[in-house]
Amino acid sequence: MQTEIFERCLDVRFANGVLPREGTSQGKEIRLKTLREVADEATGGMMDMAEQGWAGNKAMTGTVLRQLGWEPKFGVEAWERDFEDEFVAIEEGGRGYTLDSCVGMSKGRSY
C-alpha cells in the first residue's frame, strides 16, 4: 500500500503519454529519497509540505466516521478515476503550484 499511490500516478502518466520523457527512465520506477531531497525538489524547500504529501501514512480508513453513521458514496472505481481527473486539472491550471510540484509537474523540472 505504501507505493500504491505512486504506482497509480505512474500508470496514468504512462497511459496518457506524458511519461516517459527524454533523458528519464523509460520504465516505471519509484525511487527512495530523503525528506530533504523531496522538499528541495518538489515543494520549494517546505519540509512540512513534503512530509504531509510524501512521507505520511496513506493507509487510512474511515473507521471513526463509520461508527458515527457515515457511509462512502463512491467506490474504488471513483478513487482510481480520480488519478486521471487530478492530472487533467493540473494540466488545465485548475490546481495551485504547490500541488503541481508535489506530483512532479512543475515546469522545467523532470521527475
Protein backbone atom coordinates (compact mmCIF):
# COMPACT_ATOMS: atom_id res chain seq x y z
CA MET A 1 0.00 0.00 0.00
CA GLN A 2 2.86 2.41 0.66
CA THR A 3 3.75 2.74 -3.02
CA GLU A 4 0.28 2.21 -4.50
CA ILE A 5 -0.44 5.93 -4.97
CA PHE A 6 2.91 6.46 -6.70
CA GLU A 7 2.32 3.42 -8.89
CA ARG A 8 -1.12 4.68 -9.92
CA CYS A 9 0.30 8.11 -10.76
CA LEU A 10 2.93 6.46 -12.96
CA ASP A 11 0.29 4.28 -14.61
CA VAL A 12 -1.79 7.35 -15.56
CA ARG A 13 1.18 9.36 -16.84
CA PHE A 14 2.49 6.45 -18.94
CA ALA A 15 -1.00 5.67 -20.27
CA ASN A 16 -1.59 9.22 -21.48
CA GLY A 17 1.89 9.60 -22.97
CA VAL A 18 3.33 12.20 -20.60
CA LEU A 19 5.93 9.68 -19.49
CA PRO A 20 8.50 8.55 -20.31
CA ARG A 21 10.33 11.77 -21.11
CA GLU A 22 13.60 12.07 -22.97
CA GLY A 23 16.51 11.72 -20.60
CA THR A 24 14.50 9.97 -17.90
CA SER A 25 13.94 6.34 -17.04
CA GLN A 26 11.99 4.67 -19.84
CA GLY A 27 10.30 2.28 -17.42
CA LYS A 28 8.13 2.83 -14.37
CA GLU A 29 10.48 3.46 -11.50
CA ILE A 30 9.87 4.59 -7.92
CA ARG A 31 12.96 5.97 -6.19
CA LEU A 32 13.55 6.33 -2.47
CA LYS A 33 14.68 9.82 -1.45
CA THR A 34 15.24 11.64 1.79
CA LEU A 35 12.60 14.04 3.02
CA ARG A 36 15.06 16.93 2.49
CA GLU A 37 15.61 15.89 -1.16
CA VAL A 38 11.87 15.77 -1.79
CA ALA A 39 11.33 19.13 -0.10
CA ASP A 40 14.11 20.77 -2.13
CA GLU A 41 13.00 19.26 -5.45
CA ALA A 42 9.22 19.22 -5.20
CA THR A 43 7.89 21.61 -2.58
CA GLY A 44 10.15 24.64 -2.74
CA GLY A 45 12.04 23.52 0.36
CA MET A 46 8.95 23.24 2.54
CA MET A 47 9.68 20.25 4.76
CA ASP A 48 6.21 20.15 6.32
CA MET A 49 4.56 20.05 2.88
CA ALA A 50 6.93 17.31 1.74
CA GLU A 51 6.27 15.31 4.89
CA GLN A 52 2.49 15.55 4.58
CA GLY A 53 2.45 14.90 0.84
CA TRP A 54 5.12 12.26 0.51
CA ALA A 55 6.02 10.72 3.88
CA GLY A 56 2.63 10.40 5.52
CA ASN A 57 0.75 7.20 6.11
CA LYS A 58 -1.57 6.62 3.15
CA ALA A 59 -3.18 3.52 4.67
CA MET A 60 -6.06 5.34 6.33
CA THR A 61 -9.57 4.04 6.78
CA GLY A 62 -12.79 5.79 7.73
CA THR A 63 -13.42 3.74 10.86
CA VAL A 64 -14.39 6.59 13.21
CA LEU A 65 -16.75 8.23 10.74
CA ARG A 66 -18.37 4.88 10.00
CA GLN A 67 -19.05 4.48 13.72
CA LEU A 68 -20.90 7.81 13.54
CA GLY A 69 -23.04 6.58 10.65
CA TRP A 70 -21.08 7.81 7.62
CA GLU A 71 -21.00 5.57 4.58
CA PRO A 72 -18.96 6.26 1.43
CA LYS A 73 -20.93 7.30 -1.66
CA PHE A 74 -18.26 6.36 -4.16
CA GLY A 75 -16.25 3.18 -4.50
CA VAL A 76 -12.84 2.08 -5.65
CA GLU A 77 -13.64 2.93 -9.29
CA ALA A 78 -14.13 6.61 -8.40
CA TRP A 79 -10.88 6.62 -6.44
CA GLU A 80 -9.00 5.12 -9.39
CA ARG A 81 -10.59 7.56 -11.87
CA ASP A 82 -9.57 10.48 -9.64
CA PHE A 83 -5.91 9.99 -10.56
CA GLU A 84 -6.62 10.88 -14.20
CA ASP A 85 -9.02 13.67 -13.19
CA GLU A 86 -6.42 15.31 -10.96
CA PHE A 87 -3.72 15.24 -13.64
CA VAL A 88 -6.14 16.80 -16.14
CA ALA A 89 -6.97 19.52 -13.62
CA ILE A 90 -3.28 20.22 -13.06
CA GLU A 91 -2.58 20.46 -16.80
CA GLU A 92 -5.53 22.82 -17.28
CA GLY A 93 -4.36 25.12 -14.49
CA GLY A 94 -7.07 24.03 -12.08
CA ARG A 95 -4.63 23.37 -9.24
CA GLY A 96 -2.03 25.52 -7.50
CA TYR A 97 1.72 25.49 -7.96
CA THR A 98 2.29 23.53 -4.78
CA LEU A 99 0.13 20.61 -5.88
CA ASP A 100 1.78 20.69 -9.31
CA SER A 101 5.22 20.43 -7.78
CA CYS A 102 4.16 17.71 -5.36
CA VAL A 103 3.23 15.42 -8.25
CA GLY A 104 6.21 16.28 -10.41
CA MET A 105 4.51 18.61 -12.87
CA SER A 106 6.47 21.84 -12.27
CA LYS A 107 7.56 23.42 -15.50
CA GLY A 108 11.22 22.94 -16.16
CA ARG A 109 11.55 20.01 -13.81
CA SER A 110 11.81 16.39 -14.78
CA TYR A 111 10.97 13.77 -12.17
